C-alpha cells in the first residue's frame, strides 16, 4: 500500500477536520441532550447502512480521521477493518483515541481517496462518512466514486450533504461549513454514472436534515 499524495480538496478537508477535531477533543463526551442525540443518531445511521450492505466482512474506512466510527464498525466480531486517511499525522493521532483491543483490529495506511492504492475488488465495502460530503463539484465526486467502484467488490456507503427543505446561509466566516448542497437528483445520477445502483438511503432527520447516508451496490 503506497502512500498517495492528497489532493487540494483533501488538504482543505483535513484542515477543517483538524479544526473541528481539536474542538471536539476538548469535549470528550457529547454535551447536552442535543449533542448526545446527534452522537446516537450518527451511529444508528451507520448500523443501518451496514445492515443494508449485508454486514460486509472486509471494509475500508476512507478518510477515517481519528476513527470516529471504528467502534461501530468493529461491533461485528468477524469484520476486518482497513482505514485510510490523507494525513499520516491524523492516523498517528487516531492511535491515541481508542483502546488497544480495538486498534489491533484496524489496519491503517495513508492514501488519497482519489487513488487509494489497493488493487481492484480489494474489499467488500468502502465506507466514507466525512470527505464525500465536502466534495462540491460533480467532476470530483465522479472521480472519487469511480475509484470506490474500482476498489470495492460489492458495496459503498457514503454520506452526502444534500439540498432539502431549507438552505444553508452562505458565509465566509472562518470555520463555516461549506455552503454547497448537491441536489438529490444530481448526486443519484452521479452514482449511476459511476456504475452503482442505489440499495438504500436514510436521512439524518427524515424530511428536513441535509445529511443523507446512501448505500450503493456495483451494478451488473
N, C-alpha and C. Protein backbone atom coordinates (compact mmCIF):
# COMPACT_ATOMS: atom_id res chain seq x y z
N UNK A 1 0.85 -1.19 0.00
CA UNK A 1 0.00 0.00 0.00
C UNK A 1 0.88 1.25 0.00
N UNK A 2 1.08 1.82 -1.15
CA UNK A 2 1.93 3.00 -1.24
C UNK A 2 1.13 4.26 -0.94
N UNK A 3 1.74 5.19 -0.21
CA UNK A 3 1.06 6.43 0.13
C UNK A 3 0.90 7.30 -1.10
N UNK A 4 -0.32 7.78 -1.34
CA UNK A 4 -0.60 8.66 -2.46
C UNK A 4 -0.74 10.08 -1.94
N UNK A 5 -0.21 11.07 -2.67
CA UNK A 5 -0.32 12.45 -2.19
C UNK A 5 -1.76 12.91 -2.17
N UNK A 6 -2.18 13.62 -1.12
CA UNK A 6 -3.56 14.10 -1.05
C UNK A 6 -3.81 15.20 -2.07
N UNK A 7 -5.05 15.28 -2.53
CA UNK A 7 -5.44 16.34 -3.46
C UNK A 7 -5.66 17.63 -2.69
N UNK A 8 -5.82 18.75 -3.43
CA UNK A 8 -6.11 20.03 -2.79
C UNK A 8 -7.41 19.97 -2.02
N UNK A 9 -8.40 19.25 -2.56
CA UNK A 9 -9.68 19.07 -1.87
C UNK A 9 -9.46 18.39 -0.53
N UNK A 10 -8.66 17.33 -0.54
CA UNK A 10 -8.42 16.58 0.69
C UNK A 10 -7.62 17.40 1.70
N UNK A 11 -6.71 18.22 1.23
CA UNK A 11 -5.94 19.07 2.14
C UNK A 11 -6.85 20.08 2.84
N UNK A 12 -7.79 20.66 2.08
CA UNK A 12 -8.73 21.60 2.69
C UNK A 12 -9.65 20.88 3.67
N UNK A 13 -10.11 19.68 3.28
CA UNK A 13 -10.93 18.87 4.19
C UNK A 13 -10.16 18.57 5.46
N UNK A 14 -8.90 18.17 5.33
CA UNK A 14 -8.08 17.84 6.50
C UNK A 14 -7.91 19.03 7.42
N UNK A 15 -7.76 20.23 6.82
CA UNK A 15 -7.62 21.44 7.63
C UNK A 15 -8.89 21.68 8.47
N UNK A 16 -10.05 21.60 7.81
CA UNK A 16 -11.31 21.83 8.53
C UNK A 16 -11.56 20.72 9.56
N UNK A 17 -11.25 19.47 9.14
CA UNK A 17 -11.47 18.35 10.05
C UNK A 17 -10.60 18.49 11.28
N UNK A 18 -9.36 18.92 11.08
CA UNK A 18 -8.45 19.07 12.21
C UNK A 18 -8.93 20.16 13.16
N UNK A 19 -9.47 21.25 12.63
CA UNK A 19 -10.03 22.31 13.48
C UNK A 19 -11.20 21.78 14.31
N UNK A 20 -12.09 21.06 13.64
CA UNK A 20 -13.26 20.52 14.34
C UNK A 20 -12.83 19.47 15.36
N UNK A 21 -11.87 18.63 14.98
CA UNK A 21 -11.43 17.57 15.89
C UNK A 21 -10.77 18.15 17.13
N UNK A 22 -9.99 19.21 16.95
CA UNK A 22 -9.38 19.88 18.10
C UNK A 22 -10.44 20.39 19.07
N UNK A 23 -11.52 20.96 18.50
CA UNK A 23 -12.62 21.45 19.35
C UNK A 23 -13.29 20.29 20.10
N UNK A 24 -13.55 19.20 19.38
CA UNK A 24 -14.23 18.07 19.99
C UNK A 24 -13.37 17.40 21.06
N UNK A 25 -12.04 17.41 20.85
CA UNK A 25 -11.15 16.80 21.83
C UNK A 25 -11.24 17.49 23.18
N UNK A 26 -11.64 18.73 23.19
CA UNK A 26 -11.81 19.45 24.45
C UNK A 26 -13.12 19.09 25.14
N UNK A 27 -13.97 18.32 24.44
CA UNK A 27 -15.25 17.89 24.97
C UNK A 27 -15.34 16.38 24.80
N UNK A 28 -14.74 15.58 25.69
CA UNK A 28 -14.65 14.15 25.48
C UNK A 28 -15.99 13.45 25.34
N UNK A 29 -17.04 14.03 25.90
CA UNK A 29 -18.37 13.45 25.74
C UNK A 29 -19.29 14.48 25.11
N UNK A 30 -20.25 14.03 24.28
CA UNK A 30 -21.18 14.99 23.69
C UNK A 30 -21.91 15.76 24.78
N UNK A 31 -22.03 17.08 24.61
CA UNK A 31 -22.65 17.92 25.61
C UNK A 31 -24.14 18.10 25.35
N UNK A 32 -24.93 18.00 26.41
CA UNK A 32 -26.35 18.30 26.31
C UNK A 32 -27.12 17.21 25.60
N UNK A 33 -28.43 17.32 25.70
CA UNK A 33 -29.31 16.33 25.10
C UNK A 33 -29.15 16.29 23.59
N UNK A 34 -29.06 17.47 22.95
CA UNK A 34 -28.92 17.53 21.50
C UNK A 34 -27.62 16.87 21.04
N UNK A 35 -26.52 17.13 21.76
CA UNK A 35 -25.24 16.53 21.40
C UNK A 35 -25.26 15.02 21.54
N UNK A 36 -25.86 14.52 22.62
CA UNK A 36 -25.94 13.07 22.82
C UNK A 36 -26.83 12.43 21.77
N UNK A 37 -27.93 13.11 21.43
CA UNK A 37 -28.83 12.56 20.41
C UNK A 37 -28.15 12.51 19.06
N UNK A 38 -27.40 13.56 18.70
CA UNK A 38 -26.68 13.60 17.43
C UNK A 38 -25.68 12.45 17.36
N UNK A 39 -24.94 12.24 18.44
CA UNK A 39 -23.95 11.17 18.51
C UNK A 39 -24.64 9.81 18.30
N UNK A 40 -25.76 9.61 19.00
CA UNK A 40 -26.51 8.36 18.89
C UNK A 40 -27.07 8.18 17.48
N UNK A 41 -27.60 9.26 16.89
CA UNK A 41 -28.21 9.16 15.57
C UNK A 41 -27.16 8.83 14.50
N UNK A 42 -25.98 9.44 14.60
CA UNK A 42 -24.89 9.12 13.67
C UNK A 42 -24.61 7.61 13.68
N UNK A 43 -24.49 7.05 14.86
CA UNK A 43 -24.15 5.64 14.98
C UNK A 43 -25.30 4.76 14.51
N UNK A 44 -26.53 5.18 14.76
CA UNK A 44 -27.69 4.43 14.28
C UNK A 44 -27.70 4.36 12.75
N UNK A 45 -27.40 5.50 12.11
CA UNK A 45 -27.34 5.53 10.65
C UNK A 45 -26.28 4.58 10.10
N UNK A 46 -25.12 4.54 10.76
CA UNK A 46 -24.05 3.65 10.32
C UNK A 46 -24.46 2.19 10.48
N UNK A 47 -25.06 1.84 11.60
CA UNK A 47 -25.51 0.46 11.81
C UNK A 47 -26.54 0.05 10.74
N UNK A 48 -27.47 0.95 10.46
CA UNK A 48 -28.49 0.66 9.45
C UNK A 48 -27.87 0.48 8.07
N UNK A 49 -26.88 1.33 7.75
CA UNK A 49 -26.22 1.24 6.45
C UNK A 49 -25.45 -0.07 6.32
N UNK A 50 -24.75 -0.46 7.36
CA UNK A 50 -24.00 -1.72 7.33
C UNK A 50 -24.94 -2.92 7.16
N UNK A 51 -26.09 -2.85 7.80
CA UNK A 51 -27.08 -3.93 7.65
C UNK A 51 -27.59 -3.98 6.22
N UNK A 52 -27.89 -2.80 5.63
CA UNK A 52 -28.36 -2.76 4.25
C UNK A 52 -27.31 -3.27 3.28
N UNK A 53 -26.04 -3.08 3.64
CA UNK A 53 -24.92 -3.54 2.80
C UNK A 53 -24.62 -5.02 3.00
N UNK A 54 -25.38 -5.69 3.87
CA UNK A 54 -25.19 -7.12 4.09
C UNK A 54 -24.14 -7.46 5.11
N UNK A 55 -23.86 -6.54 6.03
CA UNK A 55 -22.84 -6.74 7.08
C UNK A 55 -21.52 -7.20 6.46
N UNK A 56 -20.89 -6.35 5.66
CA UNK A 56 -19.65 -6.74 4.96
C UNK A 56 -18.55 -7.17 5.92
N UNK A 57 -17.79 -8.17 5.47
CA UNK A 57 -16.74 -8.71 6.34
C UNK A 57 -15.43 -7.97 6.26
N UNK A 58 -15.12 -7.39 5.09
CA UNK A 58 -13.87 -6.64 4.89
C UNK A 58 -14.23 -5.24 4.43
N UNK A 59 -13.97 -4.25 5.25
CA UNK A 59 -14.43 -2.89 4.99
C UNK A 59 -13.25 -1.92 5.03
N UNK A 60 -13.31 -0.92 4.16
CA UNK A 60 -12.29 0.13 4.13
C UNK A 60 -12.94 1.45 4.51
N UNK A 61 -12.47 2.04 5.60
CA UNK A 61 -12.93 3.36 6.06
C UNK A 61 -12.03 4.41 5.41
N UNK A 62 -12.58 5.14 4.43
CA UNK A 62 -11.82 6.12 3.66
C UNK A 62 -11.93 7.50 4.32
N UNK A 63 -10.80 8.20 4.42
CA UNK A 63 -10.73 9.49 5.12
C UNK A 63 -11.26 9.31 6.55
N UNK A 64 -10.66 8.38 7.24
CA UNK A 64 -11.17 7.94 8.55
C UNK A 64 -10.93 8.94 9.67
N UNK A 65 -10.00 9.89 9.47
CA UNK A 65 -9.72 10.85 10.53
C UNK A 65 -9.24 10.14 11.79
N UNK A 66 -9.83 10.50 12.92
CA UNK A 66 -9.44 9.91 14.20
C UNK A 66 -10.20 8.63 14.52
N UNK A 67 -10.88 8.07 13.52
CA UNK A 67 -11.56 6.80 13.75
C UNK A 67 -12.88 6.92 14.49
N UNK A 68 -13.61 7.99 14.19
CA UNK A 68 -14.90 8.25 14.86
C UNK A 68 -15.82 7.02 14.83
N UNK A 69 -15.83 6.28 13.72
CA UNK A 69 -16.79 5.19 13.56
C UNK A 69 -16.19 3.80 13.77
N UNK A 70 -14.94 3.75 14.14
CA UNK A 70 -14.33 2.43 14.32
C UNK A 70 -15.04 1.56 15.36
N UNK A 71 -15.46 2.10 16.51
CA UNK A 71 -16.16 1.23 17.46
C UNK A 71 -17.43 0.62 16.88
N UNK A 72 -18.15 1.36 16.04
CA UNK A 72 -19.37 0.83 15.43
C UNK A 72 -19.02 -0.21 14.36
N UNK A 73 -18.02 0.10 13.53
CA UNK A 73 -17.61 -0.86 12.52
C UNK A 73 -17.14 -2.17 13.15
N UNK A 74 -16.55 -2.08 14.32
CA UNK A 74 -15.98 -3.26 14.98
C UNK A 74 -17.02 -4.05 15.79
N UNK A 75 -18.26 -3.60 15.81
CA UNK A 75 -19.29 -4.35 16.55
C UNK A 75 -19.54 -5.72 15.93
N UNK A 76 -19.28 -5.86 14.66
CA UNK A 76 -19.36 -7.16 14.00
C UNK A 76 -18.05 -7.89 14.30
N UNK A 77 -18.12 -8.95 15.09
CA UNK A 77 -16.91 -9.57 15.65
C UNK A 77 -15.95 -10.09 14.59
N UNK A 78 -16.47 -10.54 13.44
CA UNK A 78 -15.61 -11.14 12.43
C UNK A 78 -15.19 -10.15 11.34
N UNK A 79 -15.51 -8.88 11.51
CA UNK A 79 -15.21 -7.90 10.47
C UNK A 79 -13.73 -7.52 10.49
N UNK A 80 -13.13 -7.45 9.32
CA UNK A 80 -11.77 -6.96 9.16
C UNK A 80 -11.87 -5.51 8.67
N UNK A 81 -11.13 -4.61 9.31
CA UNK A 81 -11.27 -3.18 9.03
C UNK A 81 -9.94 -2.60 8.57
N UNK A 82 -9.95 -2.03 7.37
CA UNK A 82 -8.85 -1.21 6.88
C UNK A 82 -9.28 0.25 7.01
N UNK A 83 -8.33 1.14 7.22
CA UNK A 83 -8.66 2.56 7.37
C UNK A 83 -7.57 3.40 6.73
N UNK A 84 -7.98 4.33 5.88
CA UNK A 84 -7.02 5.20 5.21
C UNK A 84 -7.38 6.65 5.45
N UNK A 85 -6.36 7.52 5.38
CA UNK A 85 -6.57 8.95 5.53
C UNK A 85 -5.45 9.66 4.78
N UNK A 86 -5.74 10.84 4.20
CA UNK A 86 -4.66 11.57 3.52
C UNK A 86 -3.59 12.10 4.46
N UNK A 87 -3.89 12.17 5.77
CA UNK A 87 -2.94 12.71 6.74
C UNK A 87 -2.37 11.60 7.62
N UNK A 88 -1.06 11.39 7.51
CA UNK A 88 -0.42 10.41 8.39
C UNK A 88 -0.45 10.89 9.84
N UNK A 89 -0.37 12.20 10.05
CA UNK A 89 -0.46 12.73 11.41
C UNK A 89 -1.78 12.37 12.05
N UNK A 90 -2.88 12.45 11.26
CA UNK A 90 -4.18 12.10 11.82
C UNK A 90 -4.26 10.61 12.12
N UNK A 91 -3.68 9.79 11.26
CA UNK A 91 -3.66 8.35 11.53
C UNK A 91 -2.89 8.05 12.80
N UNK A 92 -1.77 8.75 13.00
CA UNK A 92 -0.99 8.57 14.22
C UNK A 92 -1.80 9.01 15.43
N UNK A 93 -2.49 10.14 15.28
CA UNK A 93 -3.31 10.67 16.37
C UNK A 93 -4.44 9.71 16.73
N UNK A 94 -5.00 9.04 15.72
CA UNK A 94 -6.10 8.10 15.96
C UNK A 94 -5.68 6.98 16.91
N UNK A 95 -4.40 6.67 16.90
CA UNK A 95 -3.91 5.60 17.79
C UNK A 95 -4.06 5.96 19.27
N UNK A 96 -4.22 7.25 19.56
CA UNK A 96 -4.36 7.68 20.96
C UNK A 96 -5.81 7.74 21.41
N UNK A 97 -6.74 7.49 20.51
CA UNK A 97 -8.17 7.68 20.79
C UNK A 97 -8.92 6.40 21.14
N UNK A 98 -8.29 5.27 20.95
CA UNK A 98 -9.03 4.01 21.07
C UNK A 98 -8.24 2.99 21.86
N UNK A 99 -8.92 2.05 22.52
CA UNK A 99 -8.22 1.01 23.28
C UNK A 99 -7.47 0.05 22.36
N UNK A 100 -6.46 -0.57 22.87
CA UNK A 100 -5.66 -1.50 22.08
C UNK A 100 -6.49 -2.66 21.56
N UNK A 101 -7.49 -3.06 22.31
CA UNK A 101 -8.35 -4.17 21.87
C UNK A 101 -9.05 -3.84 20.56
N UNK A 102 -9.35 -2.55 20.34
CA UNK A 102 -9.93 -2.12 19.08
C UNK A 102 -8.86 -1.89 18.02
N UNK A 103 -7.78 -1.20 18.40
CA UNK A 103 -6.75 -0.84 17.44
C UNK A 103 -6.11 -2.06 16.77
N UNK A 104 -6.03 -3.17 17.48
CA UNK A 104 -5.41 -4.36 16.88
C UNK A 104 -6.25 -4.93 15.75
N UNK A 105 -7.49 -4.46 15.63
CA UNK A 105 -8.36 -4.92 14.55
C UNK A 105 -8.37 -3.97 13.36
N UNK A 106 -7.65 -2.84 13.47
CA UNK A 106 -7.66 -1.82 12.44
C UNK A 106 -6.29 -1.76 11.76
N UNK A 107 -6.26 -1.89 10.46
CA UNK A 107 -5.02 -1.73 9.68
C UNK A 107 -5.10 -0.38 8.99
N UNK A 108 -4.25 0.56 9.37
CA UNK A 108 -4.30 1.90 8.80
C UNK A 108 -3.20 2.10 7.75
N UNK A 109 -3.47 2.98 6.79
CA UNK A 109 -2.46 3.37 5.82
C UNK A 109 -2.84 4.72 5.23
N UNK A 110 -1.83 5.48 4.84
CA UNK A 110 -2.04 6.80 4.26
C UNK A 110 -2.33 6.66 2.77
N UNK A 111 -3.39 7.33 2.31
CA UNK A 111 -3.66 7.34 0.87
C UNK A 111 -4.67 8.43 0.54
N UNK A 112 -4.71 8.79 -0.72
CA UNK A 112 -5.72 9.70 -1.25
C UNK A 112 -6.97 8.91 -1.58
N UNK A 113 -8.14 9.49 -1.34
CA UNK A 113 -9.39 8.84 -1.71
C UNK A 113 -9.57 8.76 -3.21
N UNK A 114 -8.81 9.56 -3.96
CA UNK A 114 -8.88 9.52 -5.42
C UNK A 114 -7.93 8.50 -6.02
N UNK A 115 -7.05 7.96 -5.19
CA UNK A 115 -6.06 6.97 -5.65
C UNK A 115 -5.68 6.15 -4.43
N UNK A 116 -6.52 5.18 -4.10
CA UNK A 116 -6.45 4.51 -2.80
C UNK A 116 -5.21 3.64 -2.65
N UNK A 117 -4.71 3.09 -3.74
CA UNK A 117 -3.50 2.29 -3.63
C UNK A 117 -3.75 0.83 -3.31
N UNK A 118 -4.99 0.37 -3.51
CA UNK A 118 -5.33 -1.04 -3.36
C UNK A 118 -5.72 -1.59 -4.73
N UNK A 119 -5.61 -2.90 -4.92
CA UNK A 119 -6.00 -3.48 -6.22
C UNK A 119 -7.51 -3.46 -6.43
N UNK A 120 -7.93 -3.79 -7.63
CA UNK A 120 -9.35 -3.86 -7.93
C UNK A 120 -10.04 -4.91 -7.05
N UNK A 121 -11.28 -4.61 -6.66
CA UNK A 121 -12.10 -5.54 -5.88
C UNK A 121 -11.41 -6.00 -4.60
N UNK A 122 -10.71 -5.09 -3.95
CA UNK A 122 -9.89 -5.46 -2.79
C UNK A 122 -10.70 -5.65 -1.52
N UNK A 123 -11.84 -4.96 -1.39
CA UNK A 123 -12.61 -5.02 -0.15
C UNK A 123 -14.08 -5.27 -0.48
N UNK A 124 -14.82 -5.72 0.52
CA UNK A 124 -16.26 -5.92 0.34
C UNK A 124 -17.01 -4.60 0.25
N UNK A 125 -16.57 -3.63 1.06
CA UNK A 125 -17.32 -2.39 1.20
C UNK A 125 -16.39 -1.22 1.48
N UNK A 126 -16.67 -0.09 0.85
CA UNK A 126 -15.98 1.17 1.17
C UNK A 126 -16.95 2.05 1.96
N UNK A 127 -16.43 2.64 3.02
CA UNK A 127 -17.22 3.44 3.95
C UNK A 127 -16.60 4.83 4.01
N UNK A 128 -17.37 5.86 3.66
CA UNK A 128 -16.83 7.23 3.64
C UNK A 128 -17.89 8.18 4.19
N UNK A 129 -17.75 8.57 5.44
CA UNK A 129 -18.78 9.36 6.11
C UNK A 129 -18.49 10.85 6.13
N UNK A 130 -17.24 11.26 5.93
CA UNK A 130 -16.91 12.68 6.08
C UNK A 130 -16.51 13.35 4.77
N UNK A 131 -15.50 12.83 4.11
CA UNK A 131 -14.91 13.54 2.98
C UNK A 131 -15.89 13.75 1.84
N UNK A 132 -16.66 12.73 1.50
CA UNK A 132 -17.54 12.84 0.34
C UNK A 132 -18.53 14.01 0.50
N UNK A 133 -18.93 14.31 1.73
CA UNK A 133 -19.84 15.42 1.98
C UNK A 133 -19.24 16.76 1.57
N UNK A 134 -17.93 16.87 1.58
CA UNK A 134 -17.26 18.14 1.32
C UNK A 134 -16.86 18.32 -0.14
N UNK A 135 -17.20 17.37 -0.99
CA UNK A 135 -16.87 17.49 -2.41
C UNK A 135 -17.98 18.27 -3.10
N UNK A 136 -17.65 19.47 -3.61
CA UNK A 136 -18.69 20.36 -4.10
C UNK A 136 -18.74 20.46 -5.62
N UNK A 137 -18.18 19.50 -6.32
CA UNK A 137 -18.23 19.52 -7.77
C UNK A 137 -18.47 18.13 -8.33
N UNK A 138 -19.32 18.03 -9.35
CA UNK A 138 -19.67 16.73 -9.93
C UNK A 138 -18.45 15.98 -10.44
N UNK A 139 -17.53 16.69 -11.08
CA UNK A 139 -16.34 16.04 -11.65
C UNK A 139 -15.52 15.34 -10.56
N UNK A 140 -15.34 16.01 -9.42
CA UNK A 140 -14.56 15.42 -8.34
C UNK A 140 -15.31 14.28 -7.66
N UNK A 141 -16.63 14.45 -7.49
CA UNK A 141 -17.40 13.35 -6.89
C UNK A 141 -17.33 12.11 -7.77
N UNK A 142 -17.46 12.31 -9.09
CA UNK A 142 -17.40 11.17 -10.00
C UNK A 142 -16.03 10.49 -9.96
N UNK A 143 -14.97 11.28 -9.89
CA UNK A 143 -13.63 10.70 -9.82
C UNK A 143 -13.48 9.83 -8.57
N UNK A 144 -14.00 10.33 -7.46
CA UNK A 144 -13.91 9.55 -6.22
C UNK A 144 -14.78 8.30 -6.30
N UNK A 145 -15.99 8.45 -6.81
CA UNK A 145 -16.90 7.30 -6.93
C UNK A 145 -16.31 6.22 -7.84
N UNK A 146 -15.66 6.62 -8.92
CA UNK A 146 -15.07 5.64 -9.82
C UNK A 146 -13.92 4.89 -9.14
N UNK A 147 -13.16 5.58 -8.28
CA UNK A 147 -12.12 4.89 -7.53
C UNK A 147 -12.74 3.93 -6.50
N UNK A 148 -13.83 4.35 -5.88
CA UNK A 148 -14.54 3.46 -4.96
C UNK A 148 -15.07 2.23 -5.72
N UNK A 149 -15.59 2.46 -6.93
CA UNK A 149 -16.11 1.36 -7.74
C UNK A 149 -14.99 0.38 -8.08
N UNK A 150 -13.82 0.89 -8.34
CA UNK A 150 -12.67 0.03 -8.68
C UNK A 150 -12.24 -0.84 -7.50
N UNK A 151 -12.21 -0.26 -6.31
CA UNK A 151 -11.63 -0.94 -5.15
C UNK A 151 -12.63 -1.83 -4.42
N UNK A 152 -13.90 -1.46 -4.41
CA UNK A 152 -14.90 -2.29 -3.74
C UNK A 152 -15.39 -3.39 -4.68
N UNK A 153 -15.56 -4.57 -4.13
CA UNK A 153 -16.11 -5.65 -4.96
C UNK A 153 -17.63 -5.72 -4.88
N UNK A 154 -18.23 -4.96 -3.90
CA UNK A 154 -19.67 -5.10 -3.72
C UNK A 154 -20.37 -3.76 -3.42
N UNK A 155 -20.13 -3.19 -2.24
CA UNK A 155 -20.93 -2.04 -1.81
C UNK A 155 -20.08 -0.84 -1.40
N UNK A 156 -20.75 0.31 -1.36
CA UNK A 156 -20.15 1.57 -0.91
C UNK A 156 -21.17 2.28 -0.03
N UNK A 157 -20.70 2.84 1.09
CA UNK A 157 -21.53 3.64 1.99
C UNK A 157 -20.95 5.04 2.01
N UNK A 158 -21.74 6.03 1.62
CA UNK A 158 -21.28 7.42 1.62
C UNK A 158 -22.33 8.31 2.24
N UNK A 159 -21.87 9.35 2.94
CA UNK A 159 -22.76 10.39 3.44
C UNK A 159 -22.65 11.58 2.51
N UNK A 160 -23.80 12.19 2.19
CA UNK A 160 -23.86 13.29 1.24
C UNK A 160 -24.61 14.46 1.88
N UNK A 161 -24.10 15.64 1.66
CA UNK A 161 -24.80 16.86 2.11
C UNK A 161 -25.72 17.27 0.98
N UNK A 162 -27.02 17.04 1.13
CA UNK A 162 -27.96 17.25 0.04
C UNK A 162 -28.91 18.40 0.33
N UNK A 163 -29.43 18.99 -0.75
CA UNK A 163 -30.44 20.03 -0.64
C UNK A 163 -31.71 19.41 -0.08
N UNK A 164 -32.33 20.11 0.87
CA UNK A 164 -33.55 19.60 1.49
C UNK A 164 -34.57 20.71 1.59
N UNK A 165 -35.31 20.78 2.70
CA UNK A 165 -36.38 21.77 2.83
C UNK A 165 -35.90 23.11 3.35
N UNK A 166 -34.57 23.24 3.57
CA UNK A 166 -34.05 24.53 3.98
C UNK A 166 -32.71 24.73 3.32
N UNK A 167 -32.23 25.96 3.28
CA UNK A 167 -30.95 26.29 2.67
C UNK A 167 -29.99 26.77 3.75
N UNK A 168 -28.72 26.41 3.59
CA UNK A 168 -27.70 26.97 4.47
C UNK A 168 -27.45 28.42 4.09
N UNK A 169 -27.19 29.25 5.07
CA UNK A 169 -26.79 30.62 4.79
C UNK A 169 -25.34 30.62 4.32
N UNK A 170 -25.09 31.27 3.20
CA UNK A 170 -23.72 31.34 2.72
C UNK A 170 -22.93 32.28 3.60
N UNK A 171 -21.77 31.83 3.97
CA UNK A 171 -20.97 32.63 4.90
C UNK A 171 -19.51 32.46 4.58
N UNK A 172 -18.77 33.56 4.73
CA UNK A 172 -17.32 33.48 4.51
C UNK A 172 -16.56 33.39 5.81
N UNK A 173 -17.27 33.16 6.91
CA UNK A 173 -16.62 33.11 8.22
C UNK A 173 -15.67 31.94 8.30
N UNK A 174 -14.59 32.14 9.02
CA UNK A 174 -13.61 31.09 9.21
C UNK A 174 -14.25 29.95 9.97
N UNK A 175 -14.07 28.72 9.45
CA UNK A 175 -14.60 27.54 10.11
C UNK A 175 -16.04 27.25 9.73
N UNK A 176 -16.67 28.09 8.88
CA UNK A 176 -18.04 27.84 8.48
C UNK A 176 -18.10 26.59 7.62
N UNK A 177 -19.25 25.88 7.65
CA UNK A 177 -19.43 24.71 6.83
C UNK A 177 -19.52 25.12 5.36
N UNK A 178 -19.07 24.28 4.45
CA UNK A 178 -19.17 24.60 3.04
C UNK A 178 -20.62 24.86 2.67
N UNK A 179 -20.90 25.90 1.87
CA UNK A 179 -22.28 26.26 1.58
C UNK A 179 -22.92 25.39 0.52
N UNK A 180 -22.13 24.63 -0.24
CA UNK A 180 -22.67 23.90 -1.37
C UNK A 180 -23.53 22.73 -0.91
N UNK A 181 -24.71 22.60 -1.50
CA UNK A 181 -25.57 21.45 -1.28
C UNK A 181 -25.87 20.81 -2.62
N UNK A 182 -25.60 19.53 -2.77
CA UNK A 182 -25.94 18.83 -4.01
C UNK A 182 -27.42 18.49 -4.00
N UNK A 183 -28.04 18.54 -5.17
CA UNK A 183 -29.43 18.09 -5.24
C UNK A 183 -29.44 16.56 -5.20
N UNK A 184 -30.51 15.99 -4.67
CA UNK A 184 -30.61 14.53 -4.62
C UNK A 184 -30.55 13.94 -6.02
N UNK A 185 -31.26 14.55 -6.96
CA UNK A 185 -31.26 14.04 -8.33
C UNK A 185 -29.86 14.06 -8.93
N UNK A 186 -29.12 15.13 -8.67
CA UNK A 186 -27.78 15.28 -9.21
C UNK A 186 -26.85 14.19 -8.70
N UNK A 187 -26.82 14.02 -7.39
CA UNK A 187 -25.87 13.06 -6.82
C UNK A 187 -26.29 11.63 -7.13
N UNK A 188 -27.57 11.35 -7.18
CA UNK A 188 -28.02 9.99 -7.50
C UNK A 188 -27.73 9.66 -8.96
N UNK A 189 -27.78 10.65 -9.84
CA UNK A 189 -27.38 10.43 -11.23
C UNK A 189 -25.88 10.13 -11.32
N UNK A 190 -25.09 10.78 -10.47
CA UNK A 190 -23.65 10.51 -10.46
C UNK A 190 -23.35 9.10 -9.99
N UNK A 191 -24.11 8.60 -9.02
CA UNK A 191 -23.92 7.21 -8.58
C UNK A 191 -24.11 6.27 -9.77
N UNK A 192 -25.16 6.51 -10.54
CA UNK A 192 -25.44 5.65 -11.70
C UNK A 192 -24.33 5.75 -12.73
N UNK A 193 -23.86 6.97 -13.00
CA UNK A 193 -22.79 7.17 -13.99
C UNK A 193 -21.50 6.47 -13.58
N UNK A 194 -21.28 6.37 -12.27
CA UNK A 194 -20.06 5.72 -11.77
C UNK A 194 -20.20 4.20 -11.72
N UNK A 195 -21.39 3.67 -12.03
CA UNK A 195 -21.56 2.23 -12.09
C UNK A 195 -22.23 1.60 -10.88
N UNK A 196 -22.97 2.42 -10.12
CA UNK A 196 -23.65 1.91 -8.94
C UNK A 196 -25.16 1.94 -9.09
N UNK A 197 -25.83 1.05 -8.39
CA UNK A 197 -27.27 1.16 -8.19
C UNK A 197 -27.51 1.47 -6.72
N UNK A 198 -28.65 2.05 -6.43
CA UNK A 198 -28.97 2.50 -5.08
C UNK A 198 -29.66 1.39 -4.30
N UNK A 199 -29.04 0.97 -3.19
CA UNK A 199 -29.65 -0.03 -2.32
C UNK A 199 -30.58 0.59 -1.30
N UNK A 200 -30.12 1.68 -0.65
CA UNK A 200 -30.95 2.32 0.36
C UNK A 200 -30.40 3.71 0.65
N UNK A 201 -31.23 4.51 1.30
CA UNK A 201 -30.76 5.78 1.82
C UNK A 201 -31.54 6.10 3.08
N UNK A 202 -30.92 6.91 3.92
CA UNK A 202 -31.55 7.30 5.18
C UNK A 202 -31.08 8.70 5.54
N UNK A 203 -32.02 9.58 5.89
CA UNK A 203 -31.70 10.94 6.26
C UNK A 203 -31.40 11.04 7.75
N UNK A 204 -30.48 11.94 8.08
CA UNK A 204 -30.17 12.17 9.49
C UNK A 204 -31.44 12.53 10.27
N UNK A 205 -32.24 13.43 9.71
CA UNK A 205 -33.54 13.77 10.28
C UNK A 205 -34.54 13.70 9.13
N UNK A 206 -35.34 12.65 9.06
CA UNK A 206 -36.20 12.44 7.89
C UNK A 206 -37.05 13.66 7.55
N UNK A 207 -37.00 14.02 6.26
CA UNK A 207 -37.84 15.09 5.78
C UNK A 207 -37.23 16.47 5.75
N UNK A 208 -36.13 16.68 6.51
CA UNK A 208 -35.59 18.04 6.51
C UNK A 208 -34.08 18.13 6.64
N UNK A 209 -33.43 17.18 7.31
CA UNK A 209 -32.00 17.32 7.55
C UNK A 209 -31.21 17.18 6.25
N UNK A 210 -30.10 17.89 6.14
CA UNK A 210 -29.36 17.94 4.89
C UNK A 210 -28.38 16.79 4.72
N UNK A 211 -28.13 15.97 5.73
CA UNK A 211 -27.17 14.87 5.59
C UNK A 211 -27.93 13.57 5.34
N UNK A 212 -27.53 12.89 4.27
CA UNK A 212 -28.16 11.61 3.89
C UNK A 212 -27.08 10.57 3.71
N UNK A 213 -27.32 9.37 4.22
CA UNK A 213 -26.40 8.25 4.08
C UNK A 213 -26.94 7.30 3.01
N UNK A 214 -26.14 7.08 1.98
CA UNK A 214 -26.52 6.19 0.88
C UNK A 214 -25.74 4.88 0.98
N UNK A 215 -26.42 3.80 0.62
CA UNK A 215 -25.76 2.51 0.43
C UNK A 215 -25.88 2.15 -1.05
N UNK A 216 -24.74 1.95 -1.69
CA UNK A 216 -24.69 1.69 -3.12
C UNK A 216 -24.15 0.28 -3.38
N UNK A 217 -24.56 -0.30 -4.49
CA UNK A 217 -24.00 -1.60 -4.91
C UNK A 217 -23.51 -1.49 -6.34
N UNK A 218 -22.41 -2.13 -6.64
CA UNK A 218 -21.91 -2.14 -8.00
C UNK A 218 -22.93 -2.79 -8.93
N UNK A 219 -23.29 -2.11 -9.98
CA UNK A 219 -24.31 -2.60 -10.90
C UNK A 219 -23.72 -3.66 -11.83
N UNK A 220 -24.57 -4.56 -12.24
CA UNK A 220 -24.17 -5.56 -13.21
C UNK A 220 -23.31 -6.65 -12.64
